[in-house]
Amino acid sequence: MTDPSPRMNIIINVFSYIPLVIYFFVAIMLTIVAVASLYDCALLIAKLIVTQDFAKNLYPVITSILLTITIIVLFETVTVYFRTKHVPVRALLIAGLTGTIRQVLIINYSPVETTQLLATIGILAVLIAGVVLIKEE
């Protein structure tokens, strides 16, 4: 097989940097969102402490914390990509699991159809199996 021409090597190099640039901007956006989410968590916890209405204010605190965890896991996935040039599947499964648990908490507060509940249970089962079966990289 012949080596690609110099022009083709330049084109290949340019295209190989595109995912890196995209991940860089995703990392910046995730940083902004993570800081905002952490700030929101702090405000909700302060409100919970000040009002001492745990029954009303605990649910928003928990969902906000779970959202912050999801954002942090996604950010960690991006940073691992920068270091290793591959995406860790287990971290994405954990982010999906955290998001699904958040969804289950939302379902508890609203009426839901049986099919949606069964689909959520199925997704949880698949995500848990994936986290258990996929070895740490």
N, C-alpha and C. Protein backbone atom coordinates (compact mmCIF):
# COMPACT_ATOMS: atom_id res chain seq x y z
N MET A 1 0.85 -1.17 0.00
CA MET A 1 0.00 0.00 0.00
C MET A 1 0.90 1.24 0.00
N THR A 2 0.55 2.21 -0.78
CA THR A 2 1.35 3.43 -0.88
C THR A 2 0.99 4.41 0.21
N ASP A 3 1.96 5.24 0.58
CA ASP A 3 1.72 6.28 1.57
C ASP A 3 0.87 7.38 0.97
N PRO A 4 0.01 7.99 1.79
CA PRO A 4 -0.81 9.10 1.26
C PRO A 4 0.08 10.28 0.89
N SER A 5 -0.41 11.07 -0.01
CA SER A 5 0.34 12.25 -0.45
C SER A 5 0.44 13.26 0.70
N PRO A 6 1.38 14.20 0.63
CA PRO A 6 1.50 15.22 1.68
C PRO A 6 0.22 16.02 1.88
N ARG A 7 -0.46 16.32 0.80
CA ARG A 7 -1.73 17.07 0.90
C ARG A 7 -2.76 16.24 1.67
N MET A 8 -2.80 14.94 1.37
CA MET A 8 -3.75 14.07 2.05
C MET A 8 -3.40 13.96 3.54
N ASN A 9 -2.11 13.93 3.87
CA ASN A 9 -1.69 13.90 5.28
C ASN A 9 -2.15 15.15 6.03
N ILE A 10 -2.08 16.30 5.39
CA ILE A 10 -2.54 17.54 6.00
C ILE A 10 -4.04 17.48 6.26
N ILE A 11 -4.78 17.00 5.29
CA ILE A 11 -6.24 16.89 5.44
C ILE A 11 -6.58 15.92 6.58
N ILE A 12 -5.88 14.81 6.64
CA ILE A 12 -6.12 13.82 7.71
C ILE A 12 -5.80 14.43 9.06
N ASN A 13 -4.69 15.16 9.17
CA ASN A 13 -4.32 15.80 10.43
C ASN A 13 -5.35 16.83 10.87
N VAL A 14 -5.85 17.63 9.92
CA VAL A 14 -6.87 18.63 10.26
C VAL A 14 -8.12 17.95 10.79
N PHE A 15 -8.57 16.91 10.10
CA PHE A 15 -9.78 16.21 10.55
C PHE A 15 -9.57 15.48 11.88
N SER A 16 -8.35 15.06 12.16
CA SER A 16 -8.11 14.37 13.43
C SER A 16 -8.17 15.32 14.62
N TYR A 17 -7.99 16.62 14.40
CA TYR A 17 -8.07 17.60 15.48
C TYR A 17 -9.49 18.09 15.74
N ILE A 18 -10.41 17.84 14.83
CA ILE A 18 -11.78 18.31 15.00
C ILE A 18 -12.44 17.75 16.27
N PRO A 19 -12.36 16.43 16.54
CA PRO A 19 -12.96 15.96 17.80
C PRO A 19 -12.32 16.59 19.04
N LEU A 20 -11.02 16.82 18.99
CA LEU A 20 -10.32 17.43 20.11
C LEU A 20 -10.85 18.85 20.37
N VAL A 21 -11.06 19.60 19.32
CA VAL A 21 -11.59 20.97 19.45
C VAL A 21 -13.02 20.93 19.99
N ILE A 22 -13.81 20.01 19.49
CA ILE A 22 -15.20 19.88 19.96
C ILE A 22 -15.21 19.52 21.45
N TYR A 23 -14.40 18.54 21.84
CA TYR A 23 -14.33 18.15 23.25
C TYR A 23 -13.84 19.31 24.12
N PHE A 24 -12.95 20.13 23.60
CA PHE A 24 -12.48 21.30 24.35
C PHE A 24 -13.64 22.25 24.65
N PHE A 25 -14.47 22.54 23.66
CA PHE A 25 -15.60 23.43 23.88
C PHE A 25 -16.65 22.78 24.78
N VAL A 26 -16.83 21.47 24.65
CA VAL A 26 -17.75 20.76 25.54
C VAL A 26 -17.24 20.86 26.98
N ALA A 27 -15.93 20.73 27.18
CA ALA A 27 -15.36 20.84 28.52
C ALA A 27 -15.60 22.24 29.11
N ILE A 28 -15.46 23.26 28.29
CA ILE A 28 -15.72 24.62 28.76
C ILE A 28 -17.18 24.77 29.16
N MET A 29 -18.10 24.28 28.32
CA MET A 29 -19.52 24.39 28.63
C MET A 29 -19.88 23.59 29.88
N LEU A 30 -19.32 22.38 30.02
CA LEU A 30 -19.59 21.57 31.20
C LEU A 30 -19.05 22.24 32.47
N THR A 31 -17.93 22.92 32.36
CA THR A 31 -17.38 23.64 33.51
C THR A 31 -18.34 24.73 33.96
N ILE A 32 -18.85 25.49 33.02
CA ILE A 32 -19.80 26.55 33.34
C ILE A 32 -21.06 25.98 33.97
N VAL A 33 -21.58 24.93 33.37
CA VAL A 33 -22.81 24.31 33.89
C VAL A 33 -22.56 23.68 35.26
N ALA A 34 -21.40 23.06 35.47
CA ALA A 34 -21.09 22.44 36.77
C ALA A 34 -21.01 23.49 37.87
N VAL A 35 -20.37 24.61 37.58
CA VAL A 35 -20.28 25.68 38.58
C VAL A 35 -21.67 26.23 38.90
N ALA A 36 -22.48 26.43 37.88
CA ALA A 36 -23.84 26.93 38.10
C ALA A 36 -24.67 25.91 38.88
N SER A 37 -24.51 24.64 38.58
CA SER A 37 -25.25 23.60 39.28
C SER A 37 -24.81 23.49 40.74
N LEU A 38 -23.52 23.61 40.97
CA LEU A 38 -23.01 23.58 42.34
C LEU A 38 -23.54 24.78 43.13
N TYR A 39 -23.59 25.93 42.51
CA TYR A 39 -24.14 27.13 43.14
C TYR A 39 -25.62 26.92 43.48
N ASP A 40 -26.36 26.32 42.55
CA ASP A 40 -27.77 26.02 42.78
C ASP A 40 -27.94 25.06 43.95
N CYS A 41 -27.08 24.04 44.02
CA CYS A 41 -27.12 23.10 45.15
C CYS A 41 -26.90 23.83 46.47
N ALA A 42 -25.91 24.72 46.49
CA ALA A 42 -25.61 25.46 47.71
C ALA A 42 -26.80 26.32 48.14
N LEU A 43 -27.44 26.97 47.18
CA LEU A 43 -28.62 27.79 47.50
C LEU A 43 -29.76 26.94 48.04
N LEU A 44 -29.99 25.78 47.41
CA LEU A 44 -31.07 24.91 47.86
C LEU A 44 -30.80 24.34 49.25
N ILE A 45 -29.54 23.99 49.52
CA ILE A 45 -29.19 23.48 50.85
C ILE A 45 -29.36 24.59 51.89
N ALA A 46 -28.94 25.80 51.55
CA ALA A 46 -29.11 26.93 52.47
C ALA A 46 -30.60 27.16 52.74
N LYS A 47 -31.42 27.09 51.71
CA LYS A 47 -32.86 27.27 51.88
C LYS A 47 -33.44 26.16 52.77
N LEU A 48 -32.94 24.93 52.57
CA LEU A 48 -33.40 23.81 53.38
C LEU A 48 -33.06 24.03 54.85
N ILE A 49 -31.85 24.53 55.13
CA ILE A 49 -31.43 24.76 56.51
C ILE A 49 -32.19 25.93 57.13
N VAL A 50 -32.36 27.00 56.37
CA VAL A 50 -33.01 28.19 56.91
C VAL A 50 -34.49 27.93 57.19
N THR A 51 -35.19 27.35 56.22
CA THR A 51 -36.63 27.14 56.39
C THR A 51 -36.95 25.94 57.26
N GLN A 52 -36.06 24.98 57.34
CA GLN A 52 -36.24 23.73 58.07
C GLN A 52 -37.52 23.00 57.66
N ASP A 53 -37.92 23.21 56.42
CA ASP A 53 -39.06 22.50 55.86
C ASP A 53 -38.52 21.35 55.00
N PHE A 54 -38.10 20.29 55.69
CA PHE A 54 -37.43 19.19 55.01
C PHE A 54 -38.35 18.45 54.04
N ALA A 55 -39.61 18.34 54.40
CA ALA A 55 -40.54 17.62 53.54
C ALA A 55 -40.69 18.29 52.18
N LYS A 56 -40.70 19.61 52.17
CA LYS A 56 -40.90 20.34 50.92
C LYS A 56 -39.60 20.58 50.16
N ASN A 57 -38.50 20.83 50.86
CA ASN A 57 -37.27 21.28 50.21
C ASN A 57 -36.21 20.19 50.02
N LEU A 58 -36.42 19.01 50.55
CA LEU A 58 -35.40 17.96 50.42
C LEU A 58 -35.36 17.40 48.99
N TYR A 59 -36.51 17.24 48.38
CA TYR A 59 -36.57 16.70 47.01
C TYR A 59 -35.78 17.56 46.01
N PRO A 60 -35.96 18.89 45.98
CA PRO A 60 -35.16 19.68 45.05
C PRO A 60 -33.65 19.60 45.33
N VAL A 61 -33.28 19.48 46.60
CA VAL A 61 -31.86 19.37 46.94
C VAL A 61 -31.28 18.07 46.36
N ILE A 62 -31.99 16.97 46.56
CA ILE A 62 -31.50 15.68 46.08
C ILE A 62 -31.41 15.67 44.56
N THR A 63 -32.43 16.15 43.87
CA THR A 63 -32.36 16.16 42.40
C THR A 63 -31.27 17.09 41.90
N SER A 64 -31.04 18.19 42.58
CA SER A 64 -29.98 19.10 42.17
C SER A 64 -28.61 18.46 42.38
N ILE A 65 -28.44 17.76 43.47
CA ILE A 65 -27.17 17.06 43.72
C ILE A 65 -26.94 15.97 42.68
N LEU A 66 -27.99 15.21 42.35
CA LEU A 66 -27.84 14.17 41.32
C LEU A 66 -27.51 14.77 39.96
N LEU A 67 -28.09 15.91 39.64
CA LEU A 67 -27.76 16.58 38.39
C LEU A 67 -26.30 17.03 38.40
N THR A 68 -25.84 17.55 39.52
CA THR A 68 -24.45 17.98 39.63
C THR A 68 -23.51 16.78 39.47
N ILE A 69 -23.85 15.66 40.06
CA ILE A 69 -23.03 14.45 39.91
C ILE A 69 -22.97 14.03 38.45
N THR A 70 -24.10 14.07 37.77
CA THR A 70 -24.13 13.71 36.35
C THR A 70 -23.22 14.62 35.53
N ILE A 71 -23.28 15.91 35.80
CA ILE A 71 -22.44 16.87 35.08
C ILE A 71 -20.96 16.59 35.35
N ILE A 72 -20.63 16.31 36.61
CA ILE A 72 -19.23 16.03 36.96
C ILE A 72 -18.74 14.76 36.27
N VAL A 73 -19.57 13.73 36.21
CA VAL A 73 -19.17 12.49 35.54
C VAL A 73 -18.96 12.73 34.05
N LEU A 74 -19.83 13.52 33.44
CA LEU A 74 -19.64 13.84 32.02
C LEU A 74 -18.36 14.65 31.81
N PHE A 75 -18.09 15.59 32.72
CA PHE A 75 -16.85 16.37 32.62
C PHE A 75 -15.63 15.46 32.76
N GLU A 76 -15.69 14.53 33.69
CA GLU A 76 -14.59 13.58 33.87
C GLU A 76 -14.40 12.73 32.61
N THR A 77 -15.49 12.38 31.95
CA THR A 77 -15.40 11.63 30.70
C THR A 77 -14.63 12.42 29.65
N VAL A 78 -14.92 13.72 29.57
CA VAL A 78 -14.21 14.57 28.60
C VAL A 78 -12.73 14.67 28.96
N THR A 79 -12.42 14.83 30.25
CA THR A 79 -11.01 14.94 30.63
C THR A 79 -10.26 13.63 30.38
N VAL A 80 -10.93 12.49 30.58
CA VAL A 80 -10.30 11.21 30.27
C VAL A 80 -10.04 11.11 28.77
N TYR A 81 -10.96 11.61 27.97
CA TYR A 81 -10.74 11.60 26.52
C TYR A 81 -9.50 12.41 26.15
N PHE A 82 -9.32 13.56 26.80
CA PHE A 82 -8.13 14.38 26.51
C PHE A 82 -6.85 13.62 26.85
N ARG A 83 -6.87 12.87 27.95
CA ARG A 83 -5.67 12.14 28.37
C ARG A 83 -5.40 10.90 27.55
N THR A 84 -6.46 10.15 27.22
CA THR A 84 -6.27 8.81 26.62
C THR A 84 -6.74 8.69 25.18
N LYS A 85 -7.47 9.67 24.70
CA LYS A 85 -8.05 9.66 23.35
C LYS A 85 -9.09 8.55 23.15
N HIS A 86 -9.71 8.10 24.24
CA HIS A 86 -10.87 7.23 24.13
C HIS A 86 -11.88 7.58 25.21
N VAL A 87 -13.12 7.23 24.97
CA VAL A 87 -14.21 7.58 25.88
C VAL A 87 -14.47 6.39 26.80
N PRO A 88 -14.40 6.59 28.13
CA PRO A 88 -14.66 5.48 29.06
C PRO A 88 -16.16 5.16 29.12
N VAL A 89 -16.50 3.97 28.73
CA VAL A 89 -17.91 3.57 28.66
C VAL A 89 -18.52 3.48 30.05
N ARG A 90 -17.77 2.99 31.00
CA ARG A 90 -18.30 2.82 32.36
C ARG A 90 -18.74 4.16 32.95
N ALA A 91 -17.98 5.21 32.73
CA ALA A 91 -18.35 6.53 33.25
C ALA A 91 -19.66 7.00 32.62
N LEU A 92 -19.84 6.75 31.34
CA LEU A 92 -21.09 7.13 30.68
C LEU A 92 -22.27 6.33 31.24
N LEU A 93 -22.04 5.06 31.55
CA LEU A 93 -23.10 4.24 32.14
C LEU A 93 -23.48 4.78 33.53
N ILE A 94 -22.49 5.21 34.29
CA ILE A 94 -22.76 5.78 35.62
C ILE A 94 -23.53 7.09 35.48
N ALA A 95 -23.17 7.90 34.50
CA ALA A 95 -23.92 9.14 34.26
C ALA A 95 -25.37 8.81 33.88
N GLY A 96 -25.54 7.82 33.03
CA GLY A 96 -26.90 7.41 32.65
C GLY A 96 -27.68 6.87 33.83
N LEU A 97 -27.01 6.11 34.68
CA LEU A 97 -27.66 5.57 35.87
C LEU A 97 -28.09 6.69 36.81
N THR A 98 -27.23 7.67 37.02
CA THR A 98 -27.57 8.80 37.88
C THR A 98 -28.75 9.58 37.30
N GLY A 99 -28.74 9.80 36.00
CA GLY A 99 -29.86 10.50 35.36
C GLY A 99 -31.16 9.72 35.45
N THR A 100 -31.07 8.41 35.34
CA THR A 100 -32.28 7.59 35.43
C THR A 100 -32.82 7.59 36.85
N ILE A 101 -31.94 7.55 37.83
CA ILE A 101 -32.38 7.63 39.23
C ILE A 101 -33.08 8.97 39.47
N ARG A 102 -32.54 10.01 38.89
CA ARG A 102 -33.18 11.33 38.97
C ARG A 102 -34.58 11.28 38.36
N GLN A 103 -34.70 10.59 37.24
CA GLN A 103 -36.00 10.44 36.57
C GLN A 103 -36.98 9.67 37.46
N VAL A 104 -36.48 8.64 38.14
CA VAL A 104 -37.34 7.87 39.05
C VAL A 104 -37.87 8.77 40.17
N LEU A 105 -37.03 9.65 40.67
CA LEU A 105 -37.49 10.58 41.70
C LEU A 105 -38.58 11.50 41.17
N ILE A 106 -38.45 11.92 39.92
CA ILE A 106 -39.48 12.76 39.31
C ILE A 106 -40.77 11.98 39.12
N ILE A 107 -40.65 10.70 38.73
CA ILE A 107 -41.83 9.85 38.54
C ILE A 107 -42.60 9.73 39.85
N ASN A 108 -41.89 9.66 40.97
CA ASN A 108 -42.56 9.53 42.26
C ASN A 108 -43.46 10.72 42.59
N TYR A 109 -43.23 11.85 41.93
CA TYR A 109 -44.00 13.05 42.20
C TYR A 109 -45.08 13.32 41.16
N SER A 110 -45.21 12.46 40.18
CA SER A 110 -46.21 12.72 39.14
C SER A 110 -46.83 11.39 38.70
N PRO A 111 -48.06 11.46 38.21
CA PRO A 111 -48.67 10.23 37.70
C PRO A 111 -47.93 9.76 36.45
N VAL A 112 -47.81 8.46 36.30
CA VAL A 112 -47.04 7.91 35.18
C VAL A 112 -47.74 6.67 34.65
N GLU A 113 -47.60 6.45 33.36
CA GLU A 113 -48.17 5.26 32.74
C GLU A 113 -47.33 4.05 33.05
N THR A 114 -47.94 2.90 33.02
CA THR A 114 -47.26 1.65 33.33
C THR A 114 -46.12 1.39 32.35
N THR A 115 -46.32 1.69 31.07
CA THR A 115 -45.27 1.43 30.08
C THR A 115 -44.03 2.29 30.34
N GLN A 116 -44.24 3.53 30.76
CA GLN A 116 -43.10 4.40 31.07
C GLN A 116 -42.35 3.88 32.29
N LEU A 117 -43.09 3.41 33.28
CA LEU A 117 -42.47 2.87 34.48
C LEU A 117 -41.68 1.60 34.16
N LEU A 118 -42.26 0.72 33.34
CA LEU A 118 -41.55 -0.50 32.95
C LEU A 118 -40.32 -0.19 32.10
N ALA A 119 -40.42 0.80 31.23
CA ALA A 119 -39.26 1.19 30.43
C ALA A 119 -38.15 1.74 31.32
N THR A 120 -38.51 2.52 32.32
CA THR A 120 -37.52 3.06 33.25
C THR A 120 -36.85 1.94 34.04
N ILE A 121 -37.63 0.96 34.48
CA ILE A 121 -37.07 -0.19 35.19
C ILE A 121 -36.12 -0.97 34.28
N GLY A 122 -36.52 -1.14 33.02
CA GLY A 122 -35.65 -1.83 32.07
C GLY A 122 -34.34 -1.09 31.83
N ILE A 123 -34.42 0.22 31.69
CA ILE A 123 -33.21 1.03 31.49
C ILE A 123 -32.31 0.93 32.72
N LEU A 124 -32.90 1.01 33.91
CA LEU A 124 -32.10 0.87 35.14
C LEU A 124 -31.41 -0.48 35.19
N ALA A 125 -32.13 -1.54 34.82
CA ALA A 125 -31.54 -2.89 34.85
C ALA A 125 -30.36 -3.00 33.88
N VAL A 126 -30.53 -2.46 32.69
CA VAL A 126 -29.45 -2.51 31.69
C VAL A 126 -28.24 -1.70 32.15
N LEU A 127 -28.48 -0.51 32.69
CA LEU A 127 -27.38 0.34 33.15
C LEU A 127 -26.64 -0.29 34.32
N ILE A 128 -27.38 -0.86 35.26
CA ILE A 128 -26.74 -1.52 36.41
C ILE A 128 -25.92 -2.71 35.93
N ALA A 129 -26.49 -3.51 35.03
CA ALA A 129 -25.75 -4.66 34.49
C ALA A 129 -24.49 -4.19 33.77
N GLY A 130 -24.59 -3.11 33.02
CA GLY A 130 -23.42 -2.59 32.32
C GLY A 130 -22.33 -2.14 33.27
N VAL A 131 -22.73 -1.44 34.34
CA VAL A 131 -21.73 -0.96 35.31
C VAL A 131 -21.06 -2.15 36.01
N VAL A 132 -21.84 -3.18 36.32
CA VAL A 132 -21.30 -4.36 37.01
C VAL A 132 -20.41 -5.18 36.07
N LEU A 133 -20.84 -5.36 34.83
CA LEU A 133 -20.13 -6.25 33.91
C LEU A 133 -18.92 -5.63 33.22
N ILE A 134 -18.94 -4.32 33.02
CA ILE A 134 -17.82 -3.68 32.34
C ILE A 134 -16.75 -3.38 33.36
N LYS A 135 -15.56 -3.88 33.09
CA LYS A 135 -14.44 -3.69 34.01
C LYS A 135 -13.91 -2.27 33.93
N GLU A 136 -13.30 -1.84 35.03
CA GLU A 136 -12.68 -0.52 35.06
C GLU A 136 -11.54 -0.47 34.06
N GLU A 137 -11.44 0.63 33.33
CA GLU A 137 -10.42 0.73 32.27
C GLU A 137 -9.12 1.25 32.80
